[in-house]
C-alpha cells in the first residue's frame, strides 16, 4: 500500500473519530439540557440545592442546547466547545462546593471540550478588516 493511501486512510479515520466525539458530546448536552427544560424532579431538586433558583436551570439548559448546536456546526465548533467547557466548569464547582457528589465526569467533559477548543482555536481569533 503506498504511503499516500495509508496517510489518507489515517486522516479519514481521525476525521470520523473526531465527528463521533462531537456527536456524542452534543447528544449528551442535548439530553441534559432537555431534562432541565422538561423539569425532571431530580434535576429540579439539584438546582434547588445549588441555591440560585429555578431560573438558573433554564439558563443552564439554554447554554447546553446552544453549545451542542454550535459544537456540531463546523465553523462554530470552537465557540460551542468553549461554551460547554464553561458549563462543565460551573458543574464541577457546583458538585465540589455545594452538592458534594461526583466531580470526575465534569473534569473529563471539561478536558475533552478544552481539547476541542484548542484544536479549533483559529476560529476564536478576532479578524480585523
N, C-alpha and C. Protein backbone atom coordinates (compact mmCIF):
# COMPACT_ATOMS: atom_id res chain seq x y z
N UNK A 1 0.85 -1.17 0.00
CA UNK A 1 0.00 0.00 0.00
C UNK A 1 0.90 1.24 0.00
N UNK A 2 0.72 2.16 -0.95
CA UNK A 2 1.53 3.38 -0.99
C UNK A 2 1.29 4.24 0.25
N UNK A 3 2.32 4.99 0.61
CA UNK A 3 2.26 5.82 1.83
C UNK A 3 1.13 6.84 1.75
N UNK A 4 0.86 7.40 0.58
CA UNK A 4 -0.19 8.42 0.47
C UNK A 4 -1.56 7.82 0.74
N UNK A 5 -1.80 6.60 0.31
CA UNK A 5 -3.08 5.95 0.57
C UNK A 5 -3.25 5.68 2.06
N UNK A 6 -2.20 5.22 2.72
CA UNK A 6 -2.26 4.98 4.16
C UNK A 6 -2.49 6.28 4.91
N UNK A 7 -1.83 7.35 4.46
CA UNK A 7 -1.99 8.65 5.09
C UNK A 7 -3.42 9.14 4.95
N UNK A 8 -4.00 8.96 3.78
CA UNK A 8 -5.38 9.39 3.56
C UNK A 8 -6.32 8.58 4.45
N UNK A 9 -6.08 7.31 4.60
CA UNK A 9 -6.94 6.48 5.44
C UNK A 9 -6.86 6.89 6.90
N UNK A 10 -5.66 7.18 7.39
CA UNK A 10 -5.50 7.62 8.78
C UNK A 10 -6.18 8.96 8.98
N UNK A 11 -6.00 9.87 8.05
CA UNK A 11 -6.63 11.19 8.15
C UNK A 11 -8.15 11.05 8.15
N UNK A 12 -8.65 10.16 7.31
CA UNK A 12 -10.10 9.95 7.26
C UNK A 12 -10.61 9.35 8.58
N UNK A 13 -9.87 8.40 9.14
CA UNK A 13 -10.27 7.82 10.42
C UNK A 13 -10.25 8.85 11.54
N UNK A 14 -9.27 9.75 11.52
CA UNK A 14 -9.22 10.81 12.53
C UNK A 14 -10.43 11.72 12.41
N UNK A 15 -10.80 12.05 11.18
CA UNK A 15 -11.96 12.92 10.96
C UNK A 15 -13.24 12.24 11.44
N UNK A 16 -13.39 10.97 11.10
CA UNK A 16 -14.58 10.23 11.53
C UNK A 16 -14.62 10.13 13.06
N UNK A 17 -13.49 9.82 13.68
CA UNK A 17 -13.43 9.75 15.14
C UNK A 17 -13.76 11.06 15.80
N UNK A 18 -13.24 12.15 15.23
CA UNK A 18 -13.50 13.47 15.80
C UNK A 18 -14.98 13.81 15.71
N UNK A 19 -15.61 13.49 14.57
CA UNK A 19 -17.04 13.73 14.43
C UNK A 19 -17.85 12.88 15.40
N UNK A 20 -17.44 11.65 15.61
CA UNK A 20 -18.15 10.80 16.57
C UNK A 20 -18.10 11.39 17.97
N UNK A 21 -16.93 11.89 18.37
CA UNK A 21 -16.79 12.51 19.68
C UNK A 21 -17.71 13.73 19.78
N UNK A 22 -17.71 14.57 18.74
CA UNK A 22 -18.56 15.76 18.76
C UNK A 22 -20.04 15.40 18.81
N UNK A 23 -20.44 14.38 18.06
CA UNK A 23 -21.84 13.96 18.05
C UNK A 23 -22.24 13.40 19.42
N UNK A 24 -21.37 12.59 20.02
CA UNK A 24 -21.68 12.05 21.35
C UNK A 24 -21.79 13.15 22.40
N UNK A 25 -20.86 14.10 22.36
CA UNK A 25 -20.93 15.22 23.31
C UNK A 25 -22.18 16.05 23.09
N UNK A 26 -22.49 16.34 21.84
CA UNK A 26 -23.69 17.13 21.54
C UNK A 26 -24.94 16.39 22.02
N UNK A 27 -25.00 15.08 21.78
CA UNK A 27 -26.15 14.30 22.22
C UNK A 27 -26.28 14.34 23.74
N UNK A 28 -25.16 14.23 24.43
CA UNK A 28 -25.18 14.27 25.89
C UNK A 28 -25.73 15.60 26.39
N UNK A 29 -25.25 16.71 25.81
CA UNK A 29 -25.71 18.02 26.26
C UNK A 29 -27.14 18.31 25.81
N UNK A 30 -27.55 17.78 24.66
CA UNK A 30 -28.96 17.90 24.26
C UNK A 30 -29.85 17.17 25.24
N UNK A 31 -29.42 15.99 25.66
CA UNK A 31 -30.19 15.20 26.62
C UNK A 31 -30.29 15.93 27.97
N UNK A 32 -29.15 16.39 28.48
CA UNK A 32 -29.17 17.04 29.80
C UNK A 32 -29.90 18.38 29.75
N UNK A 33 -29.72 19.11 28.66
CA UNK A 33 -30.46 20.37 28.51
C UNK A 33 -31.95 20.12 28.41
N UNK A 34 -32.33 19.08 27.68
CA UNK A 34 -33.74 18.73 27.58
C UNK A 34 -34.33 18.31 28.91
N UNK A 35 -33.56 17.56 29.70
CA UNK A 35 -34.01 17.15 31.02
C UNK A 35 -34.24 18.36 31.93
N UNK A 36 -33.39 19.35 31.79
CA UNK A 36 -33.55 20.57 32.59
C UNK A 36 -34.82 21.32 32.16
N UNK A 37 -35.03 21.45 30.86
CA UNK A 37 -36.22 22.15 30.38
C UNK A 37 -37.50 21.39 30.70
N UNK A 38 -37.43 20.06 30.69
CA UNK A 38 -38.61 19.24 30.99
C UNK A 38 -38.97 19.30 32.47
N UNK A 39 -38.04 19.73 33.29
CA UNK A 39 -38.32 19.85 34.72
C UNK A 39 -38.39 18.51 35.44
N UNK A 40 -37.51 17.60 35.06
CA UNK A 40 -37.48 16.32 35.76
C UNK A 40 -37.24 16.57 37.26
N UNK A 41 -37.98 15.88 38.12
CA UNK A 41 -37.88 16.15 39.57
C UNK A 41 -36.46 16.09 40.12
N UNK A 42 -35.66 15.14 39.68
CA UNK A 42 -34.28 15.05 40.18
C UNK A 42 -33.47 16.29 39.80
N UNK A 43 -33.70 16.79 38.60
CA UNK A 43 -32.97 17.98 38.14
C UNK A 43 -33.44 19.22 38.90
N UNK A 44 -34.73 19.33 39.09
CA UNK A 44 -35.28 20.45 39.86
C UNK A 44 -34.69 20.45 41.27
N UNK A 45 -34.59 19.28 41.87
CA UNK A 45 -34.02 19.15 43.21
C UNK A 45 -32.56 19.59 43.25
N UNK A 46 -31.79 19.19 42.24
CA UNK A 46 -30.37 19.59 42.18
C UNK A 46 -30.24 21.11 42.15
N UNK A 47 -31.05 21.76 41.33
CA UNK A 47 -30.94 23.21 41.23
C UNK A 47 -31.49 23.91 42.47
N UNK A 48 -32.41 23.27 43.18
CA UNK A 48 -32.85 23.80 44.48
C UNK A 48 -31.69 23.77 45.46
N UNK A 49 -30.96 22.66 45.48
CA UNK A 49 -29.84 22.53 46.40
C UNK A 49 -28.71 23.48 46.06
N UNK A 50 -28.52 23.78 44.77
CA UNK A 50 -27.47 24.73 44.38
C UNK A 50 -27.79 26.11 44.92
N UNK A 51 -29.07 26.47 44.90
CA UNK A 51 -29.48 27.69 45.58
C UNK A 51 -29.60 28.94 44.72
N UNK A 52 -29.44 28.84 43.43
CA UNK A 52 -29.58 30.03 42.57
C UNK A 52 -31.01 30.23 42.08
N UNK A 53 -31.88 29.28 42.30
CA UNK A 53 -33.25 29.37 41.83
C UNK A 53 -33.44 28.59 40.54
N UNK A 54 -34.70 28.38 40.20
CA UNK A 54 -35.01 27.58 39.03
C UNK A 54 -34.72 28.31 37.72
N UNK A 55 -34.63 29.63 37.74
CA UNK A 55 -34.28 30.36 36.52
C UNK A 55 -32.91 29.91 36.03
N UNK A 56 -32.03 29.54 36.96
CA UNK A 56 -30.68 29.10 36.60
C UNK A 56 -30.71 27.76 35.88
N UNK A 57 -31.69 26.93 36.19
CA UNK A 57 -31.87 25.65 35.49
C UNK A 57 -32.21 25.92 34.03
N UNK A 58 -33.11 26.86 33.78
CA UNK A 58 -33.47 27.21 32.40
C UNK A 58 -32.29 27.84 31.67
N UNK A 59 -31.58 28.71 32.35
CA UNK A 59 -30.41 29.36 31.75
C UNK A 59 -29.36 28.32 31.37
N UNK A 60 -29.08 27.39 32.28
CA UNK A 60 -28.11 26.34 32.01
C UNK A 60 -28.57 25.46 30.85
N UNK A 61 -29.85 25.15 30.80
CA UNK A 61 -30.39 24.33 29.71
C UNK A 61 -30.18 25.03 28.37
N UNK A 62 -30.43 26.33 28.32
CA UNK A 62 -30.23 27.06 27.06
C UNK A 62 -28.76 27.09 26.65
N UNK A 63 -27.87 27.24 27.62
CA UNK A 63 -26.44 27.19 27.32
C UNK A 63 -26.05 25.82 26.77
N UNK A 64 -26.58 24.76 27.37
CA UNK A 64 -26.25 23.41 26.91
C UNK A 64 -26.80 23.14 25.51
N UNK A 65 -28.03 23.53 25.26
CA UNK A 65 -28.63 23.29 23.94
C UNK A 65 -27.93 24.13 22.87
N UNK A 66 -27.66 25.38 23.18
CA UNK A 66 -26.96 26.24 22.23
C UNK A 66 -25.54 25.77 21.98
N UNK A 67 -24.85 25.38 23.04
CA UNK A 67 -23.48 24.88 22.90
C UNK A 67 -23.42 23.61 22.07
N UNK A 68 -24.40 22.73 22.26
CA UNK A 68 -24.44 21.48 21.48
C UNK A 68 -24.62 21.78 20.00
N UNK A 69 -25.51 22.72 19.67
CA UNK A 69 -25.73 23.09 18.27
C UNK A 69 -24.47 23.72 17.68
N UNK A 70 -23.84 24.63 18.42
CA UNK A 70 -22.61 25.27 17.93
C UNK A 70 -21.48 24.26 17.76
N UNK A 71 -21.43 23.28 18.63
CA UNK A 71 -20.39 22.26 18.55
C UNK A 71 -20.46 21.49 17.24
N UNK A 72 -21.65 21.24 16.75
CA UNK A 72 -21.83 20.44 15.54
C UNK A 72 -21.68 21.24 14.25
N UNK A 73 -21.79 22.55 14.33
CA UNK A 73 -21.64 23.38 13.13
C UNK A 73 -20.15 23.64 12.93
N UNK A 74 -19.58 23.19 11.82
CA UNK A 74 -18.12 23.24 11.65
C UNK A 74 -17.47 24.61 11.88
N UNK A 75 -18.11 25.67 11.45
CA UNK A 75 -17.47 26.99 11.60
C UNK A 75 -17.62 27.56 13.01
N UNK A 76 -18.40 26.92 13.87
CA UNK A 76 -18.59 27.41 15.24
C UNK A 76 -18.22 26.37 16.29
N UNK A 77 -17.52 25.34 15.88
CA UNK A 77 -17.16 24.27 16.81
C UNK A 77 -16.43 24.80 18.03
N UNK A 78 -15.47 25.69 17.84
CA UNK A 78 -14.69 26.22 18.96
C UNK A 78 -15.58 26.98 19.94
N UNK A 79 -16.52 27.77 19.42
CA UNK A 79 -17.42 28.53 20.30
C UNK A 79 -18.31 27.61 21.11
N UNK A 80 -18.84 26.57 20.46
CA UNK A 80 -19.68 25.61 21.17
C UNK A 80 -18.90 24.87 22.24
N UNK A 81 -17.70 24.44 21.89
CA UNK A 81 -16.86 23.72 22.85
C UNK A 81 -16.47 24.63 24.01
N UNK A 82 -16.18 25.89 23.73
CA UNK A 82 -15.82 26.83 24.80
C UNK A 82 -17.01 27.07 25.72
N UNK A 83 -18.18 27.26 25.15
CA UNK A 83 -19.38 27.46 25.95
C UNK A 83 -19.65 26.25 26.84
N UNK A 84 -19.54 25.06 26.26
CA UNK A 84 -19.78 23.83 27.04
C UNK A 84 -18.67 23.57 28.06
N UNK A 85 -17.46 24.02 27.78
CA UNK A 85 -16.39 23.93 28.77
C UNK A 85 -16.73 24.78 29.98
N UNK A 86 -17.23 25.97 29.74
CA UNK A 86 -17.61 26.87 30.83
C UNK A 86 -18.75 26.25 31.64
N UNK A 87 -19.72 25.64 30.97
CA UNK A 87 -20.81 24.95 31.67
C UNK A 87 -20.25 23.81 32.52
N UNK A 88 -19.31 23.06 31.96
CA UNK A 88 -18.71 21.94 32.70
C UNK A 88 -17.93 22.42 33.92
N UNK A 89 -17.23 23.53 33.79
CA UNK A 89 -16.50 24.08 34.94
C UNK A 89 -17.50 24.53 36.01
N UNK A 90 -18.61 25.13 35.60
CA UNK A 90 -19.65 25.52 36.55
C UNK A 90 -20.24 24.30 37.26
N UNK A 91 -20.46 23.23 36.50
CA UNK A 91 -20.99 21.99 37.09
C UNK A 91 -19.97 21.41 38.08
N UNK A 92 -18.69 21.48 37.71
CA UNK A 92 -17.64 21.00 38.61
C UNK A 92 -17.68 21.76 39.93
N UNK A 93 -17.76 23.08 39.84
CA UNK A 93 -17.78 23.90 41.05
C UNK A 93 -19.02 23.61 41.89
N UNK A 94 -20.18 23.44 41.24
CA UNK A 94 -21.40 23.11 41.98
C UNK A 94 -21.27 21.76 42.66
N UNK A 95 -20.72 20.79 41.95
CA UNK A 95 -20.54 19.46 42.53
C UNK A 95 -19.56 19.49 43.70
N UNK A 96 -18.48 20.19 43.53
CA UNK A 96 -17.43 20.23 44.54
C UNK A 96 -17.84 21.01 45.78
N UNK A 97 -18.41 22.19 45.58
CA UNK A 97 -18.64 23.10 46.69
C UNK A 97 -20.01 22.98 47.35
N UNK A 98 -21.02 22.55 46.60
CA UNK A 98 -22.38 22.56 47.14
C UNK A 98 -22.96 21.15 47.24
N UNK A 99 -22.92 20.42 46.14
CA UNK A 99 -23.61 19.13 46.08
C UNK A 99 -22.80 18.00 46.70
N UNK A 100 -21.49 18.13 46.69
CA UNK A 100 -20.59 17.11 47.23
C UNK A 100 -20.84 15.74 46.62
N UNK A 101 -20.91 15.74 45.30
CA UNK A 101 -21.14 14.50 44.56
C UNK A 101 -20.00 14.29 43.57
N UNK A 102 -20.25 13.50 42.54
CA UNK A 102 -19.26 13.10 41.56
C UNK A 102 -18.69 14.29 40.78
N UNK A 103 -17.37 14.48 40.85
CA UNK A 103 -16.74 15.55 40.09
C UNK A 103 -15.96 15.02 38.89
N UNK A 104 -15.73 13.73 38.85
CA UNK A 104 -14.90 13.14 37.79
C UNK A 104 -15.49 13.38 36.41
N UNK A 105 -16.80 13.19 36.27
CA UNK A 105 -17.43 13.36 34.95
C UNK A 105 -17.30 14.79 34.45
N UNK A 106 -17.42 15.75 35.35
CA UNK A 106 -17.30 17.15 34.92
C UNK A 106 -15.87 17.46 34.50
N UNK A 107 -14.91 16.88 35.18
CA UNK A 107 -13.50 17.09 34.80
C UNK A 107 -13.22 16.48 33.43
N UNK A 108 -13.67 15.25 33.21
CA UNK A 108 -13.45 14.58 31.93
C UNK A 108 -14.09 15.38 30.80
N UNK A 109 -15.32 15.84 31.00
CA UNK A 109 -16.01 16.63 29.97
C UNK A 109 -15.24 17.91 29.67
N UNK A 110 -14.81 18.60 30.71
CA UNK A 110 -14.08 19.86 30.51
C UNK A 110 -12.77 19.63 29.77
N UNK A 111 -12.08 18.56 30.08
CA UNK A 111 -10.80 18.27 29.40
C UNK A 111 -11.03 17.97 27.91
N UNK A 112 -12.02 17.14 27.61
CA UNK A 112 -12.31 16.81 26.21
C UNK A 112 -12.75 18.05 25.46
N UNK A 113 -13.65 18.81 26.04
CA UNK A 113 -14.12 20.04 25.38
C UNK A 113 -12.99 21.06 25.25
N UNK A 114 -12.15 21.16 26.26
CA UNK A 114 -10.99 22.05 26.16
C UNK A 114 -10.06 21.65 25.03
N UNK A 115 -9.88 20.36 24.83
CA UNK A 115 -9.05 19.88 23.72
C UNK A 115 -9.68 20.26 22.38
N UNK A 116 -10.99 20.19 22.29
CA UNK A 116 -11.67 20.59 21.05
C UNK A 116 -11.49 22.09 20.82
N UNK A 117 -11.61 22.88 21.87
CA UNK A 117 -11.37 24.32 21.73
C UNK A 117 -9.95 24.56 21.21
N UNK A 118 -8.98 23.88 21.79
CA UNK A 118 -7.59 24.05 21.38
C UNK A 118 -7.39 23.66 19.92
N UNK A 119 -8.02 22.57 19.50
CA UNK A 119 -7.87 22.12 18.11
C UNK A 119 -8.48 23.10 17.11
N UNK A 120 -9.48 23.87 17.55
CA UNK A 120 -10.16 24.82 16.67
C UNK A 120 -9.92 26.26 17.10
N UNK A 121 -8.83 26.51 17.79
CA UNK A 121 -8.58 27.83 18.35
C UNK A 121 -8.52 28.93 17.30
N UNK A 122 -8.21 28.57 16.04
CA UNK A 122 -8.15 29.59 14.99
C UNK A 122 -9.53 30.23 14.76
N UNK A 123 -10.61 29.53 15.13
CA UNK A 123 -11.96 30.11 15.00
C UNK A 123 -12.21 31.23 16.02
N UNK A 124 -11.41 31.25 17.06
CA UNK A 124 -11.61 32.24 18.13
C UNK A 124 -10.84 33.54 17.90
N UNK A 125 -9.99 33.54 16.89
CA UNK A 125 -9.21 34.75 16.61
C UNK A 125 -10.10 35.86 16.08
N UNK A 126 -9.80 37.05 16.52
CA UNK A 126 -10.54 38.23 16.05
C UNK A 126 -9.99 38.62 14.69
N UNK A 127 -10.90 38.75 13.75
CA UNK A 127 -10.48 39.13 12.38
C UNK A 127 -10.63 40.62 12.23
N UNK A 128 -9.55 41.23 11.81
CA UNK A 128 -9.58 42.69 11.61
C UNK A 128 -9.75 42.98 10.14
N UNK A 129 -10.59 43.97 9.85
CA UNK A 129 -10.83 44.30 8.45
C UNK A 129 -9.80 45.24 7.88
